[in-house]
Amino acid sequence: MNRALIQKGIGSALILSGLVLLVLKVSSISDSHQTWDSWASPENGTMWFIGVLVLELVFLASRFILGYFVYLSKNMRPWLIYPLAVLTAVSGLSGIVLVAAVLVLRFWQGGVHTSKT
C-alpha cells in the first residue's frame, strides 16, 4: 500500500476517535460531576471534577494534534512526537493502538523521519 494513504488513514483515525471521545465526554459531563461529588467530600468534589476534566482535555488535545501532524505528514521532532504519543497512549486502549501505528509508520523503512530520530 501507499505510505501516504496509510498515513492519512492513521491521522484520520486519530482525529475521528478524538471527536467521538469528545462527544462522549460532553454527553456524560453531568453524570460525571455527580459521581465526583458523591465520591469525594462535598467541598472537594468540584475541584476533583475540574482536575479530571482538564486532564481529559489534555489527552484529547494530544490526540488531535498528533492526528493533525500525521495526517498532513508534518515533520515532528522527537521532543514533540514522543510526549504526544505518551499522552495519547495513556488516554486509553484506542490511543495505544493508534500510537503503535504512528510509531510503526515513523520507523518504517524508507520513511522521511527514519533517520531523524
C-alpha atoms as a PDB file:
ATOM      1  CA  MET A   1       0.000   0.000   0.000  1.00  0.00           C
ATOM      2  CA  ASN A   2       0.943   3.592  -0.427  1.00  0.00           C
ATOM      3  CA  ARG A   3       2.637   5.170   2.604  1.00  0.00           C
ATOM      4  CA  ALA A   4       0.817   8.489   2.161  1.00  0.00           C
ATOM      5  CA  LEU A   5      -2.560   6.737   2.112  1.00  0.00           C
ATOM      6  CA  ILE A   6      -1.751   4.798   5.288  1.00  0.00           C
ATOM      7  CA  GLN A   7      -0.547   7.984   6.938  1.00  0.00           C
ATOM      8  CA  LYS A   8      -3.752   9.820   6.063  1.00  0.00           C
ATOM      9  CA  GLY A   9      -5.777   6.872   7.377  1.00  0.00           C
ATOM     10  CA  ILE A  10      -3.967   6.836  10.723  1.00  0.00           C
ATOM     11  CA  GLY A  11      -4.224  10.622  11.024  1.00  0.00           C
ATOM     12  CA  SER A  12      -7.934  10.475  10.223  1.00  0.00           C
ATOM     13  CA  ALA A  13      -8.450   7.697  12.763  1.00  0.00           C
ATOM     14  CA  LEU A  14      -6.755   9.778  15.454  1.00  0.00           C
ATOM     15  CA  ILE A  15      -8.858  12.837  14.677  1.00  0.00           C
ATOM     16  CA  LEU A  16     -12.138  10.925  14.354  1.00  0.00           C
ATOM     17  CA  SER A  17     -11.535   8.968  17.553  1.00  0.00           C
ATOM     18  CA  GLY A  18     -10.822  12.271  19.282  1.00  0.00           C
ATOM     19  CA  LEU A  19     -14.121  13.672  18.018  1.00  0.00           C
ATOM     20  CA  VAL A  20     -16.024  10.588  19.172  1.00  0.00           C
ATOM     21  CA  LEU A  21     -14.400  10.748  22.609  1.00  0.00           C
ATOM     22  CA  LEU A  22     -15.161  14.472  22.836  1.00  0.00           C
ATOM     23  CA  VAL A  23     -18.848  13.865  22.066  1.00  0.00           C
ATOM     24  CA  LEU A  24     -18.995  11.040  24.608  1.00  0.00           C
ATOM     25  CA  LYS A  25     -17.299  13.136  27.295  1.00  0.00           C
ATOM     26  CA  VAL A  26     -19.570  16.134  26.696  1.00  0.00           C
ATOM     27  CA  SER A  27     -22.695  13.974  26.789  1.00  0.00           C
ATOM     28  CA  SER A  28     -21.741  12.444  30.135  1.00  0.00           C
ATOM     29  CA  ILE A  29     -20.458  15.579  31.863  1.00  0.00           C
ATOM     30  CA  SER A  30     -23.384  15.975  34.278  1.00  0.00           C
ATOM     31  CA  ASP A  31     -23.249  12.318  35.348  1.00  0.00           C
ATOM     32  CA  SER A  32     -19.508  12.599  35.869  1.00  0.00           C
ATOM     33  CA  HIS A  33     -19.893  15.692  38.020  1.00  0.00           C
ATOM     34  CA  GLN A  34     -22.464  13.960  40.238  1.00  0.00           C
ATOM     35  CA  THR A  35     -20.205  10.916  40.544  1.00  0.00           C
ATOM     36  CA  TRP A  36     -17.230  13.010  41.620  1.00  0.00           C
ATOM     37  CA  ASP A  37     -19.376  14.923  44.121  1.00  0.00           C
ATOM     38  CA  SER A  38     -20.632  11.703  45.692  1.00  0.00           C
ATOM     39  CA  TRP A  39     -17.210  10.059  45.671  1.00  0.00           C
ATOM     40  CA  ALA A  40     -15.212  12.938  47.152  1.00  0.00           C
ATOM     41  CA  SER A  41     -16.005  15.037  50.159  1.00  0.00           C
ATOM     42  CA  PRO A  42     -18.591  17.748  49.399  1.00  0.00           C
ATOM     43  CA  GLU A  43     -16.125  20.627  49.314  1.00  0.00           C
ATOM     44  CA  ASN A  44     -13.542  18.781  47.183  1.00  0.00           C
ATOM     45  CA  GLY A  45     -15.803  17.099  44.622  1.00  0.00           C
ATOM     46  CA  THR A  46     -15.899  20.044  42.252  1.00  0.00           C
ATOM     47  CA  MET A  47     -12.143  20.526  42.361  1.00  0.00           C
ATOM     48  CA  TRP A  48     -11.543  16.839  41.608  1.00  0.00           C
ATOM     49  CA  PHE A  49     -14.007  17.064  38.734  1.00  0.00           C
ATOM     50  CA  ILE A  50     -12.279  20.127  37.276  1.00  0.00           C
ATOM     51  CA  GLY A  51      -8.888  18.433  37.583  1.00  0.00           C
ATOM     52  CA  VAL A  52     -10.076  15.306  35.809  1.00  0.00           C
ATOM     53  CA  LEU A  53     -11.798  17.418  33.146  1.00  0.00           C
ATOM     54  CA  VAL A  54      -8.579  19.327  32.443  1.00  0.00           C
ATOM     55  CA  LEU A  55      -6.636  16.063  32.255  1.00  0.00           C
ATOM     56  CA  GLU A  56      -9.151  14.628  29.779  1.00  0.00           C
ATOM     57  CA  LEU A  57      -8.896  17.791  27.675  1.00  0.00           C
ATOM     58  CA  VAL A  58      -5.099  17.425  27.592  1.00  0.00           C
ATOM     59  CA  PHE A  59      -5.488  13.815  26.412  1.00  0.00           C
ATOM     60  CA  LEU A  60      -7.949  14.869  23.703  1.00  0.00           C
ATOM     61  CA  ALA A  61      -5.761  17.774  22.582  1.00  0.00           C
ATOM     62  CA  SER A  62      -2.759  15.459  22.251  1.00  0.00           C
ATOM     63  CA  ARG A  63      -4.826  13.077  20.130  1.00  0.00           C
ATOM     64  CA  PHE A  64      -5.992  15.905  17.848  1.00  0.00           C
ATOM     65  CA  ILE A  65      -2.510  17.412  17.496  1.00  0.00           C
ATOM     66  CA  LEU A  66      -0.871  14.061  16.783  1.00  0.00           C
ATOM     67  CA  GLY A  67      -3.599  13.242  14.253  1.00  0.00           C
ATOM     68  CA  TYR A  68      -3.177  16.620  12.562  1.00  0.00           C
ATOM     69  CA  PHE A  69       0.583  16.221  12.190  1.00  0.00           C
ATOM     70  CA  VAL A  70       0.340  12.638  10.988  1.00  0.00           C
ATOM     71  CA  TYR A  71      -2.464  13.422   8.526  1.00  0.00           C
ATOM     72  CA  LEU A  72      -0.560  16.314   6.957  1.00  0.00           C
ATOM     73  CA  SER A  73       2.747  14.417   7.063  1.00  0.00           C
ATOM     74  CA  LYS A  74       4.394  17.210   9.021  1.00  0.00           C
ATOM     75  CA  ASN A  75       7.929  16.630  10.245  1.00  0.00           C
ATOM     76  CA  MET A  76       7.866  16.279  14.025  1.00  0.00           C
ATOM     77  CA  ARG A  77      10.914  16.471  16.218  1.00  0.00           C
ATOM     78  CA  PRO A  78      11.399  13.814  18.920  1.00  0.00           C
ATOM     79  CA  TRP A  79      10.673  16.360  21.667  1.00  0.00           C
ATOM     80  CA  LEU A  80       7.184  16.796  20.182  1.00  0.00           C
ATOM     81  CA  ILE A  81       6.139  13.376  18.917  1.00  0.00           C
ATOM     82  CA  TYR A  82       7.098  11.289  21.934  1.00  0.00           C
ATOM     83  CA  PRO A  83       5.292  13.368  24.599  1.00  0.00           C
ATOM     84  CA  LEU A  84       2.224  13.497  22.323  1.00  0.00           C
ATOM     85  CA  ALA A  85       2.475   9.740  21.805  1.00  0.00           C
ATOM     86  CA  VAL A  86       2.690   9.096  25.546  1.00  0.00           C
ATOM     87  CA  LEU A  87      -0.279  11.360  26.314  1.00  0.00           C
ATOM     88  CA  THR A  88      -2.332   9.745  23.563  1.00  0.00           C
ATOM     89  CA  ALA A  89      -1.402   6.218  24.664  1.00  0.00           C
ATOM     90  CA  VAL A  90      -2.307   6.959  28.288  1.00  0.00           C
ATOM     91  CA  SER A  91      -5.764   8.102  27.198  1.00  0.00           C
ATOM     92  CA  GLY A  92      -6.984   4.573  26.510  1.00  0.00           C
ATOM     93  CA  LEU A  93      -6.749   1.364  24.512  1.00  0.00           C
ATOM     94  CA  SER A  94      -7.568   3.028  21.200  1.00  0.00           C
ATOM     95  CA  GLY A  95      -4.813   5.521  21.930  1.00  0.00           C
ATOM     96  CA  ILE A  96      -2.316   2.708  22.485  1.00  0.00           C
ATOM     97  CA  VAL A  97      -3.236   1.052  19.188  1.00  0.00           C
ATOM     98  CA  LEU A  98      -3.111   4.297  17.216  1.00  0.00           C
ATOM     99  CA  VAL A  99       0.188   5.385  18.773  1.00  0.00           C
ATOM    100  CA  ALA A 100       1.674   1.996  17.932  1.00  0.00           C
ATOM    101  CA  ALA A 101       0.582   2.552  14.326  1.00  0.00           C
ATOM    102  CA  VAL A 102       2.098   6.054  14.346  1.00  0.00           C
ATOM    103  CA  LEU A 103       5.409   4.742  15.667  1.00  0.00           C
ATOM    104  CA  VAL A 104       5.495   1.897  13.137  1.00  0.00           C
ATOM    105  CA  LEU A 105       4.801   4.438  10.421  1.00  0.00           C
ATOM    106  CA  ARG A 106       7.534   6.721  11.776  1.00  0.00           C
ATOM    107  CA  PHE A 107      10.193   3.991  11.734  1.00  0.00           C
ATOM    108  CA  TRP A 108       9.024   2.372   8.501  1.00  0.00           C
ATOM    109  CA  GLN A 109      11.975   1.753   6.155  1.00  0.00           C
ATOM    110  CA  GLY A 110      12.186   4.417   3.537  1.00  0.00           C
ATOM    111  CA  GLY A 111      10.180   6.863   5.619  1.00  0.00           C
ATOM    112  CA  VAL A 112      11.030  10.518   5.774  1.00  0.00           C
ATOM    113  CA  HIS A 113      11.518  10.527   9.548  1.00  0.00           C
ATOM    114  CA  THR A 114      13.551   7.331   9.935  1.00  0.00           C
ATOM    115  CA  SER A 115      16.975   8.949  10.169  1.00  0.00           C
ATOM    116  CA  LYS A 116      15.871  11.948  12.189  1.00  0.00           C
ATOM    117  CA  THR A 117      15.012  10.174  15.452  1.00  0.00           C
END
